[in-house]
Each structure stands twice: as C-alpha cells, then as structure tokens.
Protein backbone atom coordinates (compact mmCIF):
# COMPACT_ATOMS: atom_id res chain seq x y z
CA MET A 1 -0.55 15.82 12.62
CA LYS A 2 0.01 17.72 15.85
CA GLU A 3 3.49 19.12 16.38
CA PHE A 4 4.86 19.47 19.87
CA SER A 5 7.30 22.29 20.59
CA PRO A 6 10.61 21.60 22.39
CA GLU A 7 9.29 23.66 25.31
CA TYR A 8 6.17 21.49 25.61
CA LEU A 9 8.21 18.28 25.42
CA SER A 10 10.53 19.58 28.17
CA HIS A 11 7.45 20.40 30.24
CA VAL A 12 6.09 16.86 29.77
CA ARG A 13 9.43 15.26 30.60
CA LYS A 14 9.68 17.30 33.80
CA ILE A 15 6.23 16.07 34.84
CA ILE A 16 7.32 12.50 34.16
CA ASN A 17 10.62 12.88 36.03
CA ASP A 18 8.77 14.41 38.99
CA HIS A 19 6.22 11.56 38.89
CA ALA A 20 3.44 14.16 38.99
CA GLU A 21 0.63 11.80 38.06
CA SER A 22 -2.15 14.32 38.48
CA ALA A 23 -0.43 16.87 36.22
CA ALA A 24 0.33 14.16 33.67
CA ARG A 25 -3.32 13.08 33.54
CA ASP A 26 -4.37 16.69 33.07
CA GLU A 27 -2.01 17.04 30.10
CA LEU A 28 -3.23 13.81 28.51
CA ALA A 29 -6.88 14.68 29.06
CA ASP A 30 -6.58 17.55 26.57
CA LEU A 31 -5.11 15.35 23.83
CA HIS A 32 -6.81 13.13 21.25
CA PRO A 33 -5.57 9.49 21.26
CA ALA A 34 -3.92 10.11 17.86
CA ASP A 35 -2.07 13.11 19.36
CA ILE A 36 -0.96 11.03 22.33
CA ALA A 37 0.46 8.51 19.89
CA GLU A 38 2.34 11.35 18.16
CA LEU A 39 3.64 12.53 21.53
CA TYR A 40 5.01 9.05 22.26
CA GLN A 41 7.21 9.28 19.15
CA ASP A 42 9.07 12.19 20.76
CA LEU A 43 9.59 10.36 24.06
CA ASP A 44 11.77 7.42 24.95
CA LEU A 45 10.15 4.08 25.75
CA ASP A 46 10.26 4.49 29.54
CA GLU A 47 8.59 7.91 29.34
CA ALA A 48 5.93 6.67 26.91
CA GLU A 49 5.20 3.65 29.11
CA TYR A 50 4.80 5.87 32.18
CA LEU A 51 2.19 8.05 30.47
CA TYR A 52 0.43 5.07 28.90
CA LYS A 53 -0.23 3.47 32.30
CA LEU A 54 -1.96 6.65 33.47
CA LEU A 55 -4.64 6.44 30.74
CA ASP A 56 -8.02 4.81 31.27
CA GLU A 57 -8.51 1.44 29.55
CA ASP A 58 -10.60 2.73 26.64
CA THR A 59 -8.08 5.44 25.81
CA GLN A 60 -5.20 2.98 26.15
CA ALA A 61 -6.82 0.78 23.51
CA GLU A 62 -7.34 3.72 21.15
CA VAL A 63 -3.77 4.96 21.59
CA LEU A 64 -2.45 1.47 20.98
CA MET A 65 -4.14 1.39 17.56
CA GLU A 66 -2.88 4.87 16.66
CA LEU A 67 0.75 4.04 17.38
CA ASP A 68 3.21 3.29 14.60
CA GLU A 69 3.73 -0.46 14.21
CA ASP A 70 7.31 -0.35 15.55
CA ASP A 71 6.34 1.85 18.51
CA ARG A 72 3.39 -0.42 19.27
CA ARG A 73 5.63 -3.49 19.19
CA LYS A 74 8.04 -1.87 21.64
CA LEU A 75 5.24 -0.90 24.02
CA LEU A 76 3.67 -4.36 23.84
CA SER A 77 7.04 -5.90 24.69
CA ARG A 78 6.76 -4.20 28.13
CA MET A 79 3.34 -5.78 28.78
CA ASP A 80 2.48 -9.33 29.79
CA ALA A 81 -0.15 -11.44 28.02
CA GLU A 82 -2.88 -10.59 30.53
CA ASP A 83 -2.36 -6.82 30.10
CA ILE A 84 -2.47 -7.11 26.30
CA ALA A 85 -5.63 -9.23 26.52
CA ASN A 86 -7.19 -6.50 28.65
CA GLN A 87 -6.41 -3.95 25.92
CA ILE A 88 -7.91 -6.21 23.25
CA ASP A 89 -11.12 -6.47 25.30
CA HIS A 90 -11.67 -2.77 24.52
CA LEU A 91 -11.02 -3.06 20.77
CA ASP A 92 -13.20 -4.04 17.83
CA THR A 93 -12.37 -7.47 16.49
CA ASP A 94 -10.72 -6.14 13.30
CA ASP A 95 -8.38 -3.92 15.33
CA ALA A 96 -7.63 -6.77 17.74
CA VAL A 97 -6.70 -8.99 14.81
CA ASP A 98 -4.37 -6.30 13.43
CA ILE A 99 -2.45 -6.30 16.70
CA LEU A 100 -2.32 -10.07 17.06
CA GLN A 101 -1.08 -10.51 13.49
CA GLU A 102 2.04 -8.57 14.47
CA LEU A 103 2.87 -11.14 17.18
CA ASP A 104 4.17 -14.69 16.89
CA GLU A 105 1.82 -17.64 17.28
CA GLU A 106 2.92 -18.53 20.82
CA ASP A 107 2.21 -15.02 22.10
CA ARG A 108 -1.16 -15.00 20.33
CA GLU A 109 -2.28 -18.16 22.12
CA LYS A 110 -1.25 -16.77 25.52
CA ILE A 111 -3.13 -13.52 24.92
CA LEU A 112 -6.28 -15.22 23.61
CA SER A 113 -6.37 -17.49 26.66
CA HIS A 114 -6.68 -14.38 28.89
CA ILE A 115 -9.58 -12.76 27.01
CA ASP A 116 -12.63 -12.91 29.26
CA ASP A 117 -15.23 -12.56 26.50
CA VAL A 118 -15.33 -16.06 25.00
CA GLU A 119 -17.48 -14.92 22.07
CA GLN A 120 -15.05 -12.14 21.20
CA ALA A 121 -12.10 -14.53 21.47
CA GLY A 122 -13.88 -16.94 19.13
CA ASP A 123 -14.53 -14.17 16.60
CA ILE A 124 -10.88 -13.13 16.73
CA ILE A 125 -9.71 -16.71 16.19
CA ASP A 126 -12.03 -17.02 13.18
CA LEU A 127 -10.71 -13.77 11.69
CA LEU A 128 -7.09 -14.80 12.18
CA LYS A 129 -7.70 -17.66 9.74
CA TYR A 130 -8.13 -15.21 6.86
CA ASP A 131 -5.25 -13.84 4.83
CA GLU A 132 -4.50 -10.34 6.11
CA ASP A 133 -4.56 -8.98 2.55
CA THR A 134 -8.16 -10.08 1.94
CA ALA A 135 -11.54 -8.71 2.96
CA GLY A 136 -11.78 -11.40 5.64
CA GLY A 137 -8.51 -10.28 7.19
CA LEU A 138 -9.73 -6.70 7.35
CA MET A 139 -13.33 -7.12 8.48
CA GLY A 140 -14.84 -6.81 11.92
CA THR A 141 -17.84 -8.66 13.32
CA GLU A 142 -19.41 -5.74 15.22
CA MET A 143 -22.60 -4.80 13.35
CA ILE A 144 -26.37 -4.67 13.69
CA VAL A 145 -28.14 -7.58 12.01
CA VAL A 146 -31.91 -8.04 11.71
CA ASN A 147 -34.09 -10.75 10.18
CA GLU A 148 -36.14 -9.97 7.09
CA ASN A 149 -39.22 -11.59 8.67
CA TRP A 150 -39.21 -9.38 11.77
CA SER A 151 -41.83 -6.67 12.24
CA MET A 152 -40.64 -3.10 12.70
CA PRO A 153 -41.31 -3.01 16.50
CA GLU A 154 -39.39 -6.26 16.97
CA CYS A 155 -36.60 -4.96 14.73
CA ILE A 156 -36.23 -1.76 16.77
CA LYS A 157 -36.15 -3.75 20.00
CA GLN A 158 -33.37 -6.02 18.71
CA MET A 159 -31.44 -3.08 17.30
CA ARG A 160 -31.43 -1.33 20.68
CA MET A 161 -30.05 -4.46 22.34
CA GLN A 162 -27.30 -4.91 19.74
CA ALA A 163 -26.39 -1.20 19.66
CA GLU A 164 -25.36 -1.24 23.32
CA GLU A 165 -22.22 -3.16 22.32
CA LEU A 166 -21.26 -0.90 19.39
CA ASP A 167 -19.34 2.37 19.22
CA GLU A 168 -20.50 3.28 15.71
CA ILE A 169 -23.51 2.26 13.61
CA TYR A 170 -23.02 2.45 9.85
CA TYR A 171 -25.73 0.24 8.37
CA VAL A 172 -28.40 -2.19 9.54
CA TYR A 173 -27.96 -5.45 7.66
CA VAL A 174 -30.89 -7.71 6.82
CA VAL A 175 -30.48 -11.50 6.64
CA ASP A 176 -32.81 -14.45 6.07
CA ASN A 177 -33.30 -17.43 8.35
CA ASP A 178 -30.09 -19.01 6.98
CA GLU A 179 -28.01 -15.88 7.79
CA ARG A 180 -27.64 -14.99 4.10
CA LEU A 181 -27.42 -11.28 3.32
CA ARG A 182 -30.64 -9.97 1.78
CA GLY A 183 -30.39 -6.21 2.05
CA ILE A 184 -29.83 -3.17 4.23
CA LEU A 185 -32.34 -1.21 6.28
CA PRO A 186 -31.86 2.58 5.99
CA LEU A 187 -32.37 4.41 9.27
CA LYS A 188 -34.80 6.72 7.47
CA THR A 189 -37.07 3.72 6.95
CA LEU A 190 -37.30 3.16 10.70
CA ILE A 191 -38.82 6.62 11.03
CA THR A 192 -41.06 6.65 7.97
CA HIS A 193 -42.41 3.08 8.26
CA PRO A 194 -42.84 2.49 12.02
CA SER A 195 -45.62 -0.06 11.65
CA VAL A 196 -44.60 -2.10 8.62
CA SER A 197 -45.49 -5.78 8.89
CA LYS A 198 -42.10 -7.20 7.84
CA ILE A 199 -38.66 -5.73 7.26
CA LYS A 200 -38.29 -7.40 3.86
CA HIS A 201 -41.02 -5.17 2.44
CA VAL A 202 -39.04 -1.95 3.02
CA MET A 203 -35.39 -3.02 2.94
CA GLU A 204 -33.03 -2.08 0.10
CA GLU A 205 -32.21 -5.30 -1.71
CA ASN A 206 -28.94 -6.44 -3.30
CA PRO A 207 -26.51 -4.17 -1.43
CA ALA A 208 -22.89 -3.95 -2.58
CA SER A 209 -20.88 -6.64 -0.81
CA VAL A 210 -17.60 -8.52 -1.08
CA LYS A 211 -16.61 -12.11 -0.43
CA ALA A 212 -14.23 -12.85 2.41
CA ASP A 213 -11.44 -13.94 0.05
CA THR A 214 -11.57 -10.76 -2.08
CA PRO A 215 -8.14 -9.01 -2.25
CA ILE A 216 -7.91 -5.69 -0.43
CA ASP A 217 -7.09 -3.81 -3.65
CA GLU A 218 -10.44 -4.86 -5.13
CA VAL A 219 -12.25 -3.95 -1.91
CA ALA A 220 -10.76 -0.44 -2.03
CA LEU A 221 -11.94 -0.02 -5.63
CA ASP A 222 -15.47 -1.04 -4.63
CA PHE A 223 -15.51 1.51 -1.80
CA GLU A 224 -14.48 4.22 -4.25
CA LYS A 225 -16.93 3.05 -6.92
CA TYR A 226 -20.00 2.97 -4.67
CA ASP A 227 -19.00 5.80 -2.26
CA LEU A 228 -19.47 3.61 0.81
CA VAL A 229 -18.54 4.11 4.45
CA ALA A 230 -18.97 0.42 5.24
CA MET A 231 -19.45 -2.76 3.24
CA PRO A 232 -20.78 -6.20 4.27
CA VAL A 233 -18.61 -9.27 3.84
CA ILE A 234 -20.16 -12.61 2.86
CA ASP A 235 -18.88 -16.17 2.60
CA SER A 236 -18.98 -18.39 -0.48
CA ILE A 237 -22.71 -19.14 -0.05
CA GLY A 238 -23.79 -15.59 0.72
CA ARG A 239 -23.94 -15.67 4.52
CA LEU A 240 -23.10 -12.42 6.31
CA VAL A 241 -19.83 -12.86 8.21
CA GLY A 242 -18.66 -9.30 8.90
CA ARG A 243 -18.27 -5.73 7.70
CA ILE A 244 -15.43 -3.50 6.57
CA THR A 245 -15.33 0.24 7.30
CA VAL A 246 -13.77 2.87 5.07
CA ASP A 247 -11.18 3.95 7.67
CA ASP A 248 -9.74 0.42 7.74
CA VAL A 249 -9.56 0.36 3.96
CA MET A 250 -7.84 3.74 3.80
CA ASP A 251 -5.28 2.68 6.40
CA ARG A 252 -4.45 -0.42 4.36
CA VAL A 253 -4.34 1.52 1.08
CA ARG A 254 -1.98 4.07 2.64
CA ASP A 255 0.30 1.29 3.90
CA SER A 256 0.25 -0.32 0.46
CA SER A 257 1.06 2.99 -1.24
CA GLU A 258 3.99 3.56 1.10
CA ARG A 259 5.33 0.07 0.34
CA ASP A 260 4.96 0.61 -3.40
CA TYR A 261 6.69 3.99 -3.21
CA GLN A 262 9.60 2.54 -1.29
CA LEU A 263 9.82 -0.43 -3.65
CA ALA A 264 9.84 1.91 -6.63
CA SER A 265 12.61 3.92 -4.94
CA GLY A 266 14.83 0.86 -4.62
CA LEU A 267 14.13 -0.12 -1.01
CA SER A 268 13.83 -3.86 -0.49
CA SER A 269 11.68 -3.61 2.67
CA ASP A 270 9.62 -1.16 4.72
CA VAL A 271 11.82 1.40 6.40
CA GLU A 272 11.21 4.58 8.40
CA SER A 273 13.42 7.63 8.89
CA ASP A 274 13.84 6.80 12.59
CA ASP A 275 14.87 3.17 11.99
CA THR A 276 18.29 2.03 13.09
CA LEU A 277 21.40 2.38 10.93
CA PHE A 278 21.49 -1.38 10.33
CA THR A 279 17.81 -1.54 9.33
CA GLN A 280 18.14 1.28 6.83
CA THR A 281 21.33 -0.15 5.38
CA LYS A 282 19.78 -3.59 4.99
CA ALA A 283 16.79 -2.12 3.14
CA ARG A 284 18.83 0.08 0.80
CA LEU A 285 21.94 -1.94 0.04
CA PRO A 286 20.50 -4.78 -2.14
CA TRP A 287 19.40 -2.55 -5.03
CA LEU A 288 22.57 -0.47 -4.73
CA LEU A 289 24.58 -3.66 -5.21
CA ILE A 290 22.43 -4.64 -8.18
CA GLY A 291 22.97 -1.15 -9.62
CA MET A 292 26.70 -1.59 -9.11
CA VAL A 293 26.62 -4.88 -11.02
CA GLY A 294 24.67 -3.13 -13.79
CA GLY A 295 27.32 -0.41 -13.94
CA LEU A 296 30.09 -3.02 -14.14
CA CYS A 297 28.22 -4.74 -16.98
CA ASN A 298 28.08 -1.43 -18.82
CA SER A 299 31.81 -0.94 -18.33
CA VAL A 300 32.44 -4.39 -19.81
CA ILE A 301 30.24 -3.56 -22.81
CA LEU A 302 32.03 -0.24 -23.36
CA GLY A 303 35.41 -1.94 -22.92
CA GLN A 304 34.64 -4.15 -25.93
CA PHE A 305 34.15 -1.03 -28.04
CA GLU A 306 37.50 0.71 -27.60
CA ASN A 307 38.25 0.66 -31.32
CA GLY A 308 34.93 2.34 -32.02
CA PHE A 309 35.78 5.26 -29.74
CA VAL A 310 39.15 5.54 -31.47
CA ALA A 311 37.40 5.70 -34.86
CA ASP A 312 34.96 8.39 -33.68
CA PRO A 313 35.59 9.75 -30.14
CA ALA A 314 32.36 11.81 -30.27
CA LEU A 315 30.42 8.56 -29.71
CA ALA A 316 31.42 8.63 -26.02
CA LEU A 317 29.69 11.99 -25.49
CA PHE A 318 26.22 10.49 -25.94
CA ILE A 319 26.46 7.49 -23.61
CA PRO A 320 24.61 9.32 -20.74
CA LEU A 321 21.89 10.39 -23.20
CA ILE A 322 21.23 6.85 -24.37
CA GLY A 323 21.15 5.37 -20.84
CA GLY A 324 19.13 8.20 -19.30
CA THR A 325 16.51 8.25 -22.07
CA GLY A 326 15.95 4.50 -21.88
CA GLY A 327 15.57 4.59 -18.10
CA ASN A 328 13.16 7.54 -18.19
CA VAL A 329 10.95 6.04 -20.90
CA GLY A 330 10.84 2.66 -19.18
CA THR A 331 9.94 4.20 -15.84
CA GLN A 332 7.19 6.29 -17.44
CA SER A 333 5.66 3.28 -19.18
CA SER A 334 5.78 1.05 -16.12
CA ALA A 335 4.39 3.82 -13.85
CA ILE A 336 1.35 4.23 -16.12
CA VAL A 337 0.68 0.49 -16.07
CA VAL A 338 1.17 0.16 -12.30
CA GLN A 339 -1.18 3.09 -11.70
CA GLY A 340 -3.78 1.58 -14.04
CA LEU A 341 -3.60 -1.77 -12.26
CA ALA A 342 -3.90 -0.06 -8.88
CA ASN A 343 -6.97 2.06 -9.67
CA GLY A 344 -8.70 -0.53 -11.83
CA SER A 345 -8.60 1.48 -15.05
CA LEU A 346 -6.39 -1.16 -16.71
CA ASP A 347 -7.76 -4.67 -17.14
CA ILE A 348 -5.03 -7.32 -17.00
CA ARG A 349 -7.02 -9.26 -19.62
CA LYS A 350 -6.37 -6.45 -22.10
CA SER A 351 -2.57 -6.66 -21.90
CA ALA A 352 -2.15 -6.98 -25.67
CA ARG A 353 -4.10 -3.75 -26.26
CA GLN A 354 -1.93 -1.87 -23.74
CA LEU A 355 1.25 -3.20 -25.36
CA LEU A 356 0.07 -2.07 -28.80
CA LYS A 357 -0.83 1.36 -27.43
CA GLU A 358 2.57 1.72 -25.79
CA LEU A 359 4.21 0.59 -29.02
CA GLY A 360 2.43 3.44 -30.81
CA VAL A 361 3.51 5.93 -28.15
CA GLY A 362 7.07 4.64 -28.47
CA LEU A 363 7.03 5.11 -32.24
CA ILE A 364 5.92 8.72 -31.91
CA ASN A 365 8.20 9.64 -29.00
CA GLY A 366 11.16 7.77 -30.46
CA GLY A 367 10.72 9.37 -33.87
CA ILE A 368 10.53 12.90 -32.45
CA ILE A 369 13.51 12.46 -30.10
CA ALA A 370 15.63 10.80 -32.80
CA LEU A 371 14.85 13.54 -35.32
CA LEU A 372 15.66 16.36 -32.89
CA VAL A 373 18.99 14.78 -31.90
CA PHE A 374 19.81 14.10 -35.56
CA VAL A 375 19.29 17.77 -36.46
CA TYR A 376 21.33 18.87 -33.41
CA ASN A 377 24.27 16.59 -34.27
CA LEU A 378 24.13 17.56 -37.92
CA LEU A 379 24.46 21.22 -37.00
CA LYS A 380 26.83 20.78 -34.06
CA LEU A 381 29.18 18.06 -35.31
CA GLY A 382 29.07 18.66 -39.05
CA ASN A 383 29.87 16.18 -41.82
CA GLY A 384 32.95 14.75 -40.14
CA HIS A 385 30.95 12.66 -37.67
CA GLN A 386 28.45 10.77 -39.82
CA VAL A 387 28.73 7.65 -37.65
CA THR A 388 27.89 9.53 -34.45
CA THR A 389 25.07 11.52 -36.05
CA ILE A 390 23.35 8.44 -37.46
CA ALA A 391 24.21 6.01 -34.61
CA VAL A 392 22.91 8.25 -31.83
CA SER A 393 19.60 8.98 -33.54
CA LEU A 394 19.00 5.41 -34.65
CA SER A 395 19.96 4.07 -31.21
CA LEU A 396 17.68 6.52 -29.43
CA PHE A 397 14.76 5.42 -31.60
CA CYS A 398 15.42 1.73 -30.87
CA VAL A 399 16.02 2.37 -27.15
CA VAL A 400 12.76 4.32 -26.77
CA MET A 401 10.86 1.57 -28.58
CA PHE A 402 12.38 -1.17 -26.43
CA ALA A 403 11.95 0.74 -23.15
CA SER A 404 8.30 1.55 -23.93
CA VAL A 405 7.40 -2.09 -24.57
CA PHE A 406 9.63 -3.48 -21.81
CA GLY A 407 8.31 -0.98 -19.26
CA THR A 408 4.77 -2.10 -20.09
CA PHE A 409 5.44 -5.83 -20.37
CA VAL A 410 7.25 -6.25 -17.05
CA PRO A 411 4.54 -4.92 -14.64
CA LEU A 412 1.82 -6.78 -16.57
CA THR A 413 3.81 -10.00 -16.23
CA LEU A 414 4.50 -9.40 -12.54
CA GLU A 415 0.77 -8.81 -11.95
CA LYS A 416 -0.07 -12.14 -13.62
CA LEU A 417 2.56 -13.84 -11.44
CA LYS A 418 1.00 -12.26 -8.31
CA ILE A 419 4.18 -10.22 -7.66
CA ASP A 420 3.88 -6.55 -6.70
CA PRO A 421 4.14 -4.71 -10.06
CA ALA A 422 5.54 -1.64 -8.28
CA LEU A 423 8.87 -3.48 -8.52
CA ALA A 424 8.84 -2.57 -12.22
CA THR A 425 8.87 1.18 -11.56
CA GLY A 426 12.08 1.06 -9.57
CA PRO A 427 15.76 0.47 -10.30
CA PHE A 428 15.01 -2.82 -12.08
CA ILE A 429 13.64 -1.01 -15.13
CA SER A 430 16.34 1.67 -15.13
CA ILE A 431 19.23 -0.78 -14.79
CA THR A 432 17.89 -3.16 -17.42
CA ASN A 433 17.17 -0.39 -19.91
CA ASP A 434 20.60 1.11 -19.28
CA ILE A 435 22.35 -2.17 -20.11
CA ILE A 436 20.17 -2.94 -23.14
CA GLY A 437 20.55 0.66 -24.31
CA MET A 438 24.34 0.34 -24.28
CA VAL A 439 24.18 -2.94 -26.19
CA ILE A 440 21.94 -1.34 -28.82
CA TYR A 441 24.13 1.77 -29.07
CA MET A 442 27.40 -0.14 -29.35
CA SER A 443 25.94 -2.64 -31.84
CA ILE A 444 24.56 0.03 -34.15
CA SER A 445 27.74 2.10 -33.88
CA SER A 446 29.93 -0.92 -34.68
CA TRP A 447 27.82 -1.78 -37.69
CA LEU A 448 27.94 1.78 -39.01
CA ILE A 449 31.70 2.05 -38.52
CA LEU A 450 32.20 -1.11 -40.58
CA ALA A 451 29.68 0.03 -43.18
CA LEU A 452 30.96 3.60 -43.63
CA HIS A 453 34.70 3.00 -43.17
C-alpha cells in the first residue's frame, strides 16, 4: 500500500483547485491504478471525480476495480448509465459483473442497454444469473479455446486471432466438437510439436476444473491444492463456460476472511473504520445488546443464590474465573473447527469424530485446571472453605467439558445449516458459556452447601 504524505496531498489539492489539468495528468501518469485508488481515499468525492475524468478509458476501468466498494459506489453515483457502460466496455466480464452486482436491477438494465459490444453484454447477462458466491459468479469468459481436432498450424492461427482480445493468457483450453472440455495445451507444446497432426495427440488430458455451481470456498481449496493460476469452469455436462483466475479467488477469500473476522468480533455487518457514526453503531450495537441481556441473566442467576454467598462469601471471588474459563475454552474449540472447515482439513461428515476428540481434550484440560485450582484453594483458603474449594474445582471441570463440546457442536451445526460458522467464534459462544457456567457453578455450590452443612 502506497502512503501519501500530507505535503503530497496538499500539492495534489492545489493542482485540483487551480484546475491545472496538464500537471494533474503528469502526477497520475507516475502512479499505478491501485495507487490512484489509494489516493482517492484521501480526497473528497469532488476532488476524486476531477482526477478520474482526466484518466484515459483503460486506466479509468482499472482504477474503478481497485477502488473500495463504498468509494466505487460513490463515484458511480456521479456517472450516468452511458458513462458506466463505457467503463464496462474496457473490463473483463468477471470484473464487469462484480460492478453490476453492486447496483440495483433497474440500473443494471440501463447500463447493459448502452454496452456497444452485444456479445460482451450477452456474456455479462449470462454471468449475472449465477450466484455470486459460486464459481459461475466469479468466472470470466475471456480465454483461448481450441478444438482437439485442429492441426497445430490451424491452432496457432486461431490462437493469434483470439489473443488480440485478451490482456493475459493463462492456459489454452482444448474442447471437442460439442464444446466439452478435453484438456489444456501447454505453450511449450506449441514450440516443441509445431507440425503435429491433431491437438488431441499432444494435449494434457483431464485438467483440474470446477462446475459453475461450486461454492467459492471449495474453488479456493482447489487452487491451493493444485497450485493453479487459472482454472476452467464447466457446466453440468462438461462444456467449457469460463475460467477463474487466482487473483479473483484471492480477492474473494480476503473479503470472506474480513467478514468472518468481523463476525467473530461481534459485528453484525461489514464495517470500515471510515464509515459513518450511524453505520458503525448499527453494526456494533446488536451484539452489545445481546451481551447486556446475557449479563442481566447472570445477575438474575446470582440473585437467586444470595444465601449461598452468605454461607460462604469466598464463592463470589471465583465468578470471573468460571465465566472467563468457559468463554475461552469455547472460543478455542469453535475457532479450531471453523478453521478446519475453512481450509478443508475437517470433513463435516466426520463430526462425531471431532466431537469425541474435543471431549478428550476437554477431559484433559478440565482435569488439569480443576486440580491446579483445587490445590491453590486448599493452600490459600484452608479447611474453613471446603464448599468453595470443592465447588470451584468441580465447576471448572464441568464448565471446560461443556464449553469444549458446545464450542465444537455449534459451528458444525451452523455449517450443516448453511450458516456462516464464524458466528460461533464470536460473542455467541462467550455469552452462552458464561450463562451456562454460572448455572453450573451455582447448582454445584448449592448442592454442596446442603450436603456439607
């Protein structure tokens, strides 16, 4: 990320205020489109719009894709449908779809009606039909495709014609007469087999591919597994319909990771540091209110145990320990499961095995923690606080056991219900374990007080 000094920003603003177009173009010419997008974040909308209009059309399209979603939406709001369509003309279909998905349906139709390239407009319309969280919603249609029955000279001729419309060439895909994917043609083969009779004799068969309805998470795992820079996308009968590049996958994975992190932190929606006061409050308040309700529930539980505190006041000293331990254990367990589901190391079909493993971990951790606290209380409190010594240790063991299993069970269940399991690593686990921990602690303490007194 390029950082712009206050002096440089003042210099740029002076150029804008003076309407020195030539100087402004010179400044922009030295910047990468991603850096221009960064610069726009430090300018107000009017200043950013002024500079944007000075860029050539290709650079405008690149900058548009590099902008943050909110900044892009603001800039697009200053443009009419024809101007946006002109920008889309200079984008790959997958990038064009990303932009159009951020707009409402009425605006999409207006923009598509102004796209001059009918074939490109048709491809975009086809891609918009796919769910944005699937391979089809992420793929582009720009690629080089050759027929397996072509000779090498004919193949090279067709490749040259198709390459004129492409910015990057990752792979050459080979299809049969029914457009079904048959293989890929390495560029090395073009050099080493210049006179081969048919492409199918030298192509690499059975390339890694994904179906159009494959979830993005699975696509990302395939890219990592096979170390790919691009992957073909096929339909239900094996016909080649597009390709996905690694940069698109990484962008989507990063966005997903940011959402999961915010969800785990107790934010109910995507929020940025520069969002408005109302937006940030709306994203943060729901879980704070739920936490408040959880705290009130705990106060009610403790209020029912006044006589217990009178019988042994030392019991109150360990309330934070019980609640904190349960929350920490539950968060640890759920984080391990969520990570395993995300990277593919945990198979949802093996949920029972994971629960048993976590139960074993809970037994060991709970036993060690309970024993250490028992020894501490025995030495610190002495014989006059048998209830506290036994209740705290026994409660900690039960709380760790419950939190371990609960922290594993919840994300596995959410995954089966097609709900983001990252929800289980956030305040939900901590609040629930805190309440259950208090119930366990108060119940065991009450039982011991009755039994020993």
